[in-house]
Amino acid sequence: MTTRQVLEQGFPILRVVHCIDDDSWAFTCGTTNESKDIRVIAMEEAVRLDASVVTVADLAPGWGASRSHVGARWNKYEIPKA
């Protein structure tokens, strides 16, 4: 999944999450948490939007990666369990 801002407005992907509960992925801009902004896409489409996401394709479920801007290094982190 991604956000309306990434898909429709061209915002950059600055956060990637590999969800532990259902093994899905999220490619977001970090500007919204509103459910109305969620869009479902294939991983292939995320790579077309930003090929650098392949560099974090090894994230294990329950891990994420973020960066401050396009071109910055991805910083990987474990997502705290609730």
PDB file of N, CA and C in Angstrom:
ATOM      1  N   MET A   1       0.824  -1.179   0.000  1.00  0.00           N
ATOM      2  CA  MET A   1       0.000   0.000   0.000  1.00  0.00           C
ATOM      3  C   MET A   1       0.870   1.245   0.000  1.00  0.00           C
ATOM      4  N   THR A   2       0.236   2.341  -0.330  1.00  0.00           N
ATOM      5  CA  THR A   2       0.907   3.631  -0.334  1.00  0.00           C
ATOM      6  C   THR A   2      -0.127   4.681   0.052  1.00  0.00           C
ATOM      7  N   THR A   3       0.181   5.920  -0.210  1.00  0.00           N
ATOM      8  CA  THR A   3      -0.763   6.998   0.093  1.00  0.00           C
ATOM      9  C   THR A   3      -1.188   7.710  -1.190  1.00  0.00           C
ATOM     10  N   ARG A   4      -2.284   8.389  -1.074  1.00  0.00           N
ATOM     11  CA  ARG A   4      -2.777   9.220  -2.172  1.00  0.00           C
ATOM     12  C   ARG A   4      -1.713  10.248  -2.563  1.00  0.00           C
ATOM     13  N   GLN A   5      -1.018  10.769  -1.571  1.00  0.00           N
ATOM     14  CA  GLN A   5      -0.010  11.794  -1.830  1.00  0.00           C
ATOM     15  C   GLN A   5       1.128  11.254  -2.701  1.00  0.00           C
ATOM     16  N   VAL A   6       1.558  10.019  -2.434  1.00  0.00           N
ATOM     17  CA  VAL A   6       2.622   9.410  -3.237  1.00  0.00           C
ATOM     18  C   VAL A   6       2.108   9.080  -4.635  1.00  0.00           C
ATOM     19  N   LEU A   7       0.972   8.424  -4.691  1.00  0.00           N
ATOM     20  CA  LEU A   7       0.473   7.915  -5.966  1.00  0.00           C
ATOM     21  C   LEU A   7      -0.088   8.997  -6.871  1.00  0.00           C
ATOM     22  N   GLU A   8      -0.836   9.931  -6.315  1.00  0.00           N
ATOM     23  CA  GLU A   8      -1.541  10.920  -7.135  1.00  0.00           C
ATOM     24  C   GLU A   8      -0.882  12.293  -7.167  1.00  0.00           C
ATOM     25  N   GLN A   9      -0.066  12.610  -6.162  1.00  0.00           N
ATOM     26  CA  GLN A   9       0.526  13.946  -6.105  1.00  0.00           C
ATOM     27  C   GLN A   9       2.042  13.947  -6.258  1.00  0.00           C
ATOM     28  N   GLY A  10       2.629  12.764  -6.396  1.00  0.00           N
ATOM     29  CA  GLY A  10       4.064  12.698  -6.642  1.00  0.00           C
ATOM     30  C   GLY A  10       4.950  12.920  -5.440  1.00  0.00           C
ATOM     31  N   PHE A  11       4.406  12.811  -4.217  1.00  0.00           N
ATOM     32  CA  PHE A  11       5.247  12.938  -3.034  1.00  0.00           C
ATOM     33  C   PHE A  11       6.274  11.804  -3.038  1.00  0.00           C
ATOM     34  N   PRO A  12       7.449  12.013  -2.480  1.00  0.00           N
ATOM     35  CA  PRO A  12       8.473  10.968  -2.467  1.00  0.00           C
ATOM     36  C   PRO A  12       8.177   9.894  -1.417  1.00  0.00           C
ATOM     37  N   ILE A  13       8.626   8.686  -1.701  1.00  0.00           N
ATOM     38  CA  ILE A  13       8.550   7.612  -0.712  1.00  0.00           C
ATOM     39  C   ILE A  13       9.708   7.808   0.257  1.00  0.00           C
ATOM     40  N   LEU A  14       9.373   8.059   1.517  1.00  0.00           N
ATOM     41  CA  LEU A  14      10.395   8.306   2.534  1.00  0.00           C
ATOM     42  C   LEU A  14      10.371   7.265   3.641  1.00  0.00           C
ATOM     43  N   ARG A  15       9.327   6.424   3.648  1.00  0.00           N
ATOM     44  CA  ARG A  15       9.222   5.365   4.648  1.00  0.00           C
ATOM     45  C   ARG A  15       8.748   4.085   3.986  1.00  0.00           C
ATOM     46  N   VAL A  16       9.360   2.991   4.386  1.00  0.00           N
ATOM     47  CA  VAL A  16       8.957   1.664   3.917  1.00  0.00           C
ATOM     48  C   VAL A  16       8.784   0.790   5.152  1.00  0.00           C
ATOM     49  N   VAL A  17       7.690   0.050   5.192  1.00  0.00           N
ATOM     50  CA  VAL A  17       7.433  -0.858   6.309  1.00  0.00           C
ATOM     51  C   VAL A  17       7.049  -2.221   5.757  1.00  0.00           C
ATOM     52  N   HIS A  18       7.657  -3.269   6.313  1.00  0.00           N
ATOM     53  CA  HIS A  18       7.267  -4.646   6.012  1.00  0.00           C
ATOM     54  C   HIS A  18       6.451  -5.118   7.213  1.00  0.00           C
ATOM     55  N   CYS A  19       5.150  -5.192   7.047  1.00  0.00           N
ATOM     56  CA  CYS A  19       4.220  -5.474   8.146  1.00  0.00           C
ATOM     57  C   CYS A  19       4.356  -6.911   8.627  1.00  0.00           C
ATOM     58  N   ILE A  20       4.387  -7.068   9.938  1.00  0.00           N
ATOM     59  CA  ILE A  20       4.573  -8.384  10.529  1.00  0.00           C
ATOM     60  C   ILE A  20       3.281  -9.202  10.547  1.00  0.00           C
ATOM     61  N   ASP A  21       2.138  -8.537  10.630  1.00  0.00           N
ATOM     62  CA  ASP A  21       0.880  -9.263  10.797  1.00  0.00           C
ATOM     63  C   ASP A  21       0.388  -9.952   9.532  1.00  0.00           C
ATOM     64  N   ASP A  22       0.611  -9.354   8.380  1.00  0.00           N
ATOM     65  CA  ASP A  22       0.101  -9.960   7.142  1.00  0.00           C
ATOM     66  C   ASP A  22       1.131  -9.994   6.010  1.00  0.00           C
ATOM     67  N   ASP A  23       2.378  -9.680   6.334  1.00  0.00           N
ATOM     68  CA  ASP A  23       3.482  -9.719   5.374  1.00  0.00           C
ATOM     69  C   ASP A  23       3.324  -8.713   4.231  1.00  0.00           C
ATOM     70  N   SER A  24       2.461  -7.719   4.403  1.00  0.00           N
ATOM     71  CA  SER A  24       2.288  -6.693   3.376  1.00  0.00           C
ATOM     72  C   SER A  24       3.385  -5.632   3.523  1.00  0.00           C
ATOM     73  N   TRP A  25       3.414  -4.730   2.559  1.00  0.00           N
ATOM     74  CA  TRP A  25       4.401  -3.656   2.546  1.00  0.00           C
ATOM     75  C   TRP A  25       3.678  -2.316   2.449  1.00  0.00           C
ATOM     76  N   ALA A  26       4.270  -1.282   3.041  1.00  0.00           N
ATOM     77  CA  ALA A  26       3.755   0.079   2.921  1.00  0.00           C
ATOM     78  C   ALA A  26       4.886   0.985   2.450  1.00  0.00           C
ATOM     79  N   PHE A  27       4.583   1.809   1.475  1.00  0.00           N
ATOM     80  CA  PHE A  27       5.536   2.760   0.895  1.00  0.00           C
ATOM     81  C   PHE A  27       4.911   4.138   1.037  1.00  0.00           C
ATOM     82  N   THR A  28       5.333   4.899   2.028  1.00  0.00           N
ATOM     83  CA  THR A  28       4.634   6.142   2.347  1.00  0.00           C
ATOM     84  C   THR A  28       5.553   7.356   2.328  1.00  0.00           C
ATOM     85  N   CYS A  29       4.915   8.504   2.356  1.00  0.00           N
ATOM     86  CA  CYS A  29       5.633   9.780   2.332  1.00  0.00           C
ATOM     87  C   CYS A  29       5.843  10.338   3.731  1.00  0.00           C
ATOM     88  N   GLY A  30       5.098   9.799   4.705  1.00  0.00           N
ATOM     89  CA  GLY A  30       5.228  10.281   6.070  1.00  0.00           C
ATOM     90  C   GLY A  30       4.432  11.533   6.371  1.00  0.00           C
ATOM     91  N   THR A  31       3.526  11.921   5.479  1.00  0.00           N
ATOM     92  CA  THR A  31       2.753  13.145   5.707  1.00  0.00           C
ATOM     93  C   THR A  31       1.338  12.886   6.192  1.00  0.00           C
ATOM     94  N   THR A  32       0.893  11.630   6.198  1.00  0.00           N
ATOM     95  CA  THR A  32      -0.486  11.344   6.580  1.00  0.00           C
ATOM     96  C   THR A  32      -0.608   9.967   7.219  1.00  0.00           C
ATOM     97  N   ASN A  33      -1.542   9.851   8.137  1.00  0.00           N
ATOM     98  CA  ASN A  33      -1.922   8.567   8.725  1.00  0.00           C
ATOM     99  C   ASN A  33      -3.420   8.346   8.550  1.00  0.00           C
ATOM    100  N   GLU A  34      -4.030   9.141   7.708  1.00  0.00           N
ATOM    101  CA  GLU A  34      -5.470   9.075   7.498  1.00  0.00           C
ATOM    102  C   GLU A  34      -5.849   7.892   6.620  1.00  0.00           C
ATOM    103  N   SER A  35      -6.821   7.101   7.046  1.00  0.00           N
ATOM    104  CA  SER A  35      -7.235   5.936   6.260  1.00  0.00           C
ATOM    105  C   SER A  35      -7.785   6.343   4.892  1.00  0.00           C
ATOM    106  N   LYS A  36      -8.343   7.544   4.786  1.00  0.00           N
ATOM    107  CA  LYS A  36      -8.879   8.006   3.499  1.00  0.00           C
ATOM    108  C   LYS A  36      -7.777   8.207   2.454  1.00  0.00           C
ATOM    109  N   ASP A  37      -6.529   8.314   2.896  1.00  0.00           N
ATOM    110  CA  ASP A  37      -5.406   8.543   1.984  1.00  0.00           C
ATOM    111  C   ASP A  37      -4.733   7.257   1.521  1.00  0.00           C
ATOM    112  N   ILE A  38      -5.115   6.109   2.066  1.00  0.00           N
ATOM    113  CA  ILE A  38      -4.480   4.839   1.711  1.00  0.00           C
ATOM    114  C   ILE A  38      -4.888   4.407   0.306  1.00  0.00           C
ATOM    115  N   ARG A  39      -3.906   3.941  -0.462  1.00  0.00           N
ATOM    116  CA  ARG A  39      -4.121   3.382  -1.787  1.00  0.00           C
ATOM    117  C   ARG A  39      -3.393   2.039  -1.854  1.00  0.00           C
ATOM    118  N   VAL A  40      -3.994   1.071  -2.496  1.00  0.00           N
ATOM    119  CA  VAL A  40      -3.384  -0.245  -2.640  1.00  0.00           C
ATOM    120  C   VAL A  40      -2.670  -0.316  -3.986  1.00  0.00           C
ATOM    121  N   ILE A  41      -1.417  -0.735  -3.934  1.00  0.00           N
ATOM    122  CA  ILE A  41      -0.617  -0.895  -5.160  1.00  0.00           C
ATOM    123  C   ILE A  41       0.173  -2.194  -5.064  1.00  0.00           C
ATOM    124  N   ALA A  42       0.674  -2.643  -6.178  1.00  0.00           N
ATOM    125  CA  ALA A  42       1.562  -3.802  -6.215  1.00  0.00           C
ATOM    126  C   ALA A  42       2.989  -3.336  -5.920  1.00  0.00           C
ATOM    127  N   MET A  43       3.802  -4.245  -5.418  1.00  0.00           N
ATOM    128  CA  MET A  43       5.207  -3.944  -5.161  1.00  0.00           C
ATOM    129  C   MET A  43       5.877  -3.432  -6.437  1.00  0.00           C
ATOM    130  N   GLU A  44       5.525  -4.009  -7.554  1.00  0.00           N
ATOM    131  CA  GLU A  44       6.074  -3.593  -8.849  1.00  0.00           C
ATOM    132  C   GLU A  44       5.827  -2.104  -9.106  1.00  0.00           C
ATOM    133  N   GLU A  45       4.650  -1.630  -8.738  1.00  0.00           N
ATOM    134  CA  GLU A  45       4.342  -0.219  -8.941  1.00  0.00           C
ATOM    135  C   GLU A  45       5.169   0.665  -8.015  1.00  0.00           C
ATOM    136  N   ALA A  46       5.401   0.215  -6.790  1.00  0.00           N
ATOM    137  CA  ALA A  46       6.244   0.977  -5.865  1.00  0.00           C
ATOM    138  C   ALA A  46       7.654   1.123  -6.435  1.00  0.00           C
ATOM    139  N   VAL A  47       8.164   0.059  -7.042  1.00  0.00           N
ATOM    140  CA  VAL A  47       9.502   0.110  -7.652  1.00  0.00           C
ATOM    141  C   VAL A  47       9.508   1.058  -8.846  1.00  0.00           C
ATOM    142  N   ARG A  48       8.422   1.075  -9.609  1.00  0.00           N
ATOM    143  CA  ARG A  48       8.340   2.030 -10.733  1.00  0.00           C
ATOM    144  C   ARG A  48       8.326   3.471 -10.226  1.00  0.00           C
ATOM    145  N   LEU A  49       7.662   3.711  -9.100  1.00  0.00           N
ATOM    146  CA  LEU A  49       7.610   5.055  -8.530  1.00  0.00           C
ATOM    147  C   LEU A  49       8.970   5.497  -8.000  1.00  0.00           C
ATOM    148  N   ASP A  50       9.719   4.544  -7.402  1.00  0.00           N
ATOM    149  CA  ASP A  50      11.023   4.868  -6.820  1.00  0.00           C
ATOM    150  C   ASP A  50      11.866   3.600  -6.770  1.00  0.00           C
ATOM    151  N   ALA A  51      12.757   3.459  -7.718  1.00  0.00           N
ATOM    152  CA  ALA A  51      13.573   2.247  -7.834  1.00  0.00           C
ATOM    153  C   ALA A  51      14.465   2.011  -6.620  1.00  0.00           C
ATOM    154  N   SER A  52      14.719   3.035  -5.824  1.00  0.00           N
ATOM    155  CA  SER A  52      15.600   2.849  -4.660  1.00  0.00           C
ATOM    156  C   SER A  52      14.970   1.967  -3.586  1.00  0.00           C
ATOM    157  N   VAL A  53      13.672   1.723  -3.663  1.00  0.00           N
ATOM    158  CA  VAL A  53      13.055   0.857  -2.649  1.00  0.00           C
ATOM    159  C   VAL A  53      13.572  -0.574  -2.733  1.00  0.00           C
ATOM    160  N   VAL A  54      14.151  -0.964  -3.855  1.00  0.00           N
ATOM    161  CA  VAL A  54      14.720  -2.317  -3.945  1.00  0.00           C
ATOM    162  C   VAL A  54      15.895  -2.493  -2.981  1.00  0.00           C
ATOM    163  N   THR A  55      16.511  -1.411  -2.565  1.00  0.00           N
ATOM    164  CA  THR A  55      17.640  -1.515  -1.633  1.00  0.00           C
ATOM    165  C   THR A  55      17.185  -1.880  -0.224  1.00  0.00           C
ATOM    166  N   VAL A  56      15.889  -1.797   0.056  1.00  0.00           N
ATOM    167  CA  VAL A  56      15.364  -2.205   1.365  1.00  0.00           C
ATOM    168  C   VAL A  56      14.418  -3.398   1.231  1.00  0.00           C
ATOM    169  N   ALA A  57      14.477  -4.077   0.099  1.00  0.00           N
ATOM    170  CA  ALA A  57      13.615  -5.232  -0.140  1.00  0.00           C
ATOM    171  C   ALA A  57      13.953  -6.410   0.764  1.00  0.00           C
ATOM    172  N   ASP A  58      15.078  -6.346   1.458  1.00  0.00           N
ATOM    173  CA  ASP A  58      15.464  -7.416   2.369  1.00  0.00           C
ATOM    174  C   ASP A  58      14.933  -7.214   3.784  1.00  0.00           C
ATOM    175  N   LEU A  59      14.103  -6.197   3.984  1.00  0.00           N
ATOM    176  CA  LEU A  59      13.534  -5.963   5.317  1.00  0.00           C
ATOM    177  C   LEU A  59      12.723  -7.177   5.758  1.00  0.00           C
ATOM    178  N   ALA A  60      12.988  -7.644   6.948  1.00  0.00           N
ATOM    179  CA  ALA A  60      12.206  -8.737   7.514  1.00  0.00           C
ATOM    180  C   ALA A  60      10.851  -8.186   7.972  1.00  0.00           C
ATOM    181  N   PRO A  61       9.837  -9.038   8.056  1.00  0.00           N
ATOM    182  CA  PRO A  61       8.559  -8.573   8.614  1.00  0.00           C
ATOM    183  C   PRO A  61       8.794  -7.979  10.010  1.00  0.00           C
ATOM    184  N   GLY A  62       8.152  -6.847  10.264  1.00  0.00           N
ATOM    185  CA  GLY A  62       8.349  -6.164  11.537  1.00  0.00           C
ATOM    186  C   GLY A  62       9.474  -5.146  11.518  1.00  0.00           C
ATOM    187  N   TRP A  63       9.996  -4.876  10.337  1.00  0.00           N
ATOM    188  CA  TRP A  63      11.063  -3.887  10.178  1.00  0.00           C
ATOM    189  C   TRP A  63      10.617  -2.791   9.224  1.00  0.00           C
ATOM    190  N   GLY A  64      11.256  -1.647   9.351  1.00  0.00           N
ATOM    191  CA  GLY A  64      10.983  -0.525   8.475  1.00  0.00           C
ATOM    192  C   GLY A  64      12.273   0.160   8.083  1.00  0.00           C
ATOM    193  N   ALA A  65      12.151   1.125   7.189  1.00  0.00           N
ATOM    194  CA  ALA A  65      13.292   1.940   6.772  1.00  0.00           C
ATOM    195  C   ALA A  65      12.769   3.332   6.470  1.00  0.00           C
ATOM    196  N   SER A  66      13.571   4.314   6.767  1.00  0.00           N
ATOM    197  CA  SER A  66      13.170   5.694   6.482  1.00  0.00           C
ATOM    198  C   SER A  66      14.386   6.477   6.009  1.00  0.00           C
ATOM    199  N   ARG A  67      14.088   7.610   5.407  1.00  0.00           N
ATOM    200  CA  ARG A  67      15.137   8.527   4.955  1.00  0.00           C
ATOM    201  C   ARG A  67      14.571   9.937   5.020  1.00  0.00           C
ATOM    202  N   SER A  68      15.426  10.910   5.064  1.00  0.00           N
ATOM    203  CA  SER A  68      14.978  12.294   5.204  1.00  0.00           C
ATOM    204  C   SER A  68      14.549  12.913   3.882  1.00  0.00           C
ATOM    205  N   HIS A  69      15.122  12.426   2.783  1.00  0.00           N
ATOM    206  CA  HIS A  69      14.816  12.979   1.467  1.00  0.00           C
ATOM    207  C   HIS A  69      15.261  11.995   0.386  1.00  0.00           C
ATOM    208  N   VAL A  70      14.779  12.190  -0.807  1.00  0.00           N
ATOM    209  CA  VAL A  70      15.174  11.348  -1.932  1.00  0.00           C
ATOM    210  C   VAL A  70      16.685  11.469  -2.120  1.00  0.00           C
ATOM    211  N   GLY A  71      17.332  10.338  -2.262  1.00  0.00           N
ATOM    212  CA  GLY A  71      18.781  10.312  -2.423  1.00  0.00           C
ATOM    213  C   GLY A  71      19.525  10.069  -1.126  1.00  0.00           C
ATOM    214  N   ALA A  72      18.848  10.265   0.004  1.00  0.00           N
ATOM    215  CA  ALA A  72      19.482  10.002   1.302  1.00  0.00           C
ATOM    216  C   ALA A  72      19.546   8.498   1.541  1.00  0.00           C
ATOM    217  N   ARG A  73      20.421   8.099   2.446  1.00  0.00           N
ATOM    218  CA  ARG A  73      20.580   6.686   2.791  1.00  0.00           C
ATOM    219  C   ARG A  73      19.355   6.212   3.573  1.00  0.00           C
ATOM    220  N   TRP A  74      18.885   4.991   3.249  1.00  0.00           N
ATOM    221  CA  TRP A  74      17.800   4.374   3.998  1.00  0.00           C
ATOM    222  C   TRP A  74      18.343   3.908   5.351  1.00  0.00           C
ATOM    223  N   ASN A  75      17.628   4.240   6.425  1.00  0.00           N
ATOM    224  CA  ASN A  75      17.988   3.802   7.771  1.00  0.00           C
ATOM    225  C   ASN A  75      16.986   2.746   8.215  1.00  0.00           C
ATOM    226  N   LYS A  76      17.464   1.530   8.450  1.00  0.00           N
ATOM    227  CA  LYS A  76      16.604   0.421   8.816  1.00  0.00           C
ATOM    228  C   LYS A  76      16.401   0.381  10.331  1.00  0.00           C
ATOM    229  N   TYR A  77      15.215  -0.056  10.759  1.00  0.00           N
ATOM    230  CA  TYR A  77      14.902  -0.147  12.185  1.00  0.00           C
ATOM    231  C   TYR A  77      13.856  -1.220  12.428  1.00  0.00           C
ATOM    232  N   GLU A  78      13.905  -1.804  13.610  1.00  0.00           N
ATOM    233  CA  GLU A  78      12.880  -2.770  14.003  1.00  0.00           C
ATOM    234  C   GLU A  78      11.707  -1.998  14.582  1.00  0.00           C
ATOM    235  N   ILE A  79      10.511  -2.371  14.193  1.00  0.00           N
ATOM    236  CA  ILE A  79       9.310  -1.702  14.691  1.00  0.00           C
ATOM    237  C   ILE A  79       8.967  -2.293  16.054  1.00  0.00           C
ATOM    238  N   PRO A  80       8.836  -1.440  17.060  1.00  0.00           N
ATOM    239  CA  PRO A  80       8.526  -1.959  18.408  1.00  0.00           C
ATOM    240  C   PRO A  80       7.199  -2.715  18.399  1.00  0.00           C
ATOM    241  N   LYS A  81       7.185  -3.832  19.096  1.00  0.00           N
ATOM    242  CA  LYS A  81       5.960  -4.619  19.194  1.00  0.00           C
ATOM    243  C   LYS A  81       5.007  -3.944  20.168  1.00  0.00           C
ATOM    244  N   ALA A  82       3.733  -3.916  19.793  1.00  0.00           N
ATOM    245  CA  ALA A  82       2.731  -3.239  20.644  1.00  0.00           C
ATOM    246  C   ALA A  82       2.375  -4.056  21.856  1.00  0.00           C
TER     247      ALA A  82
END
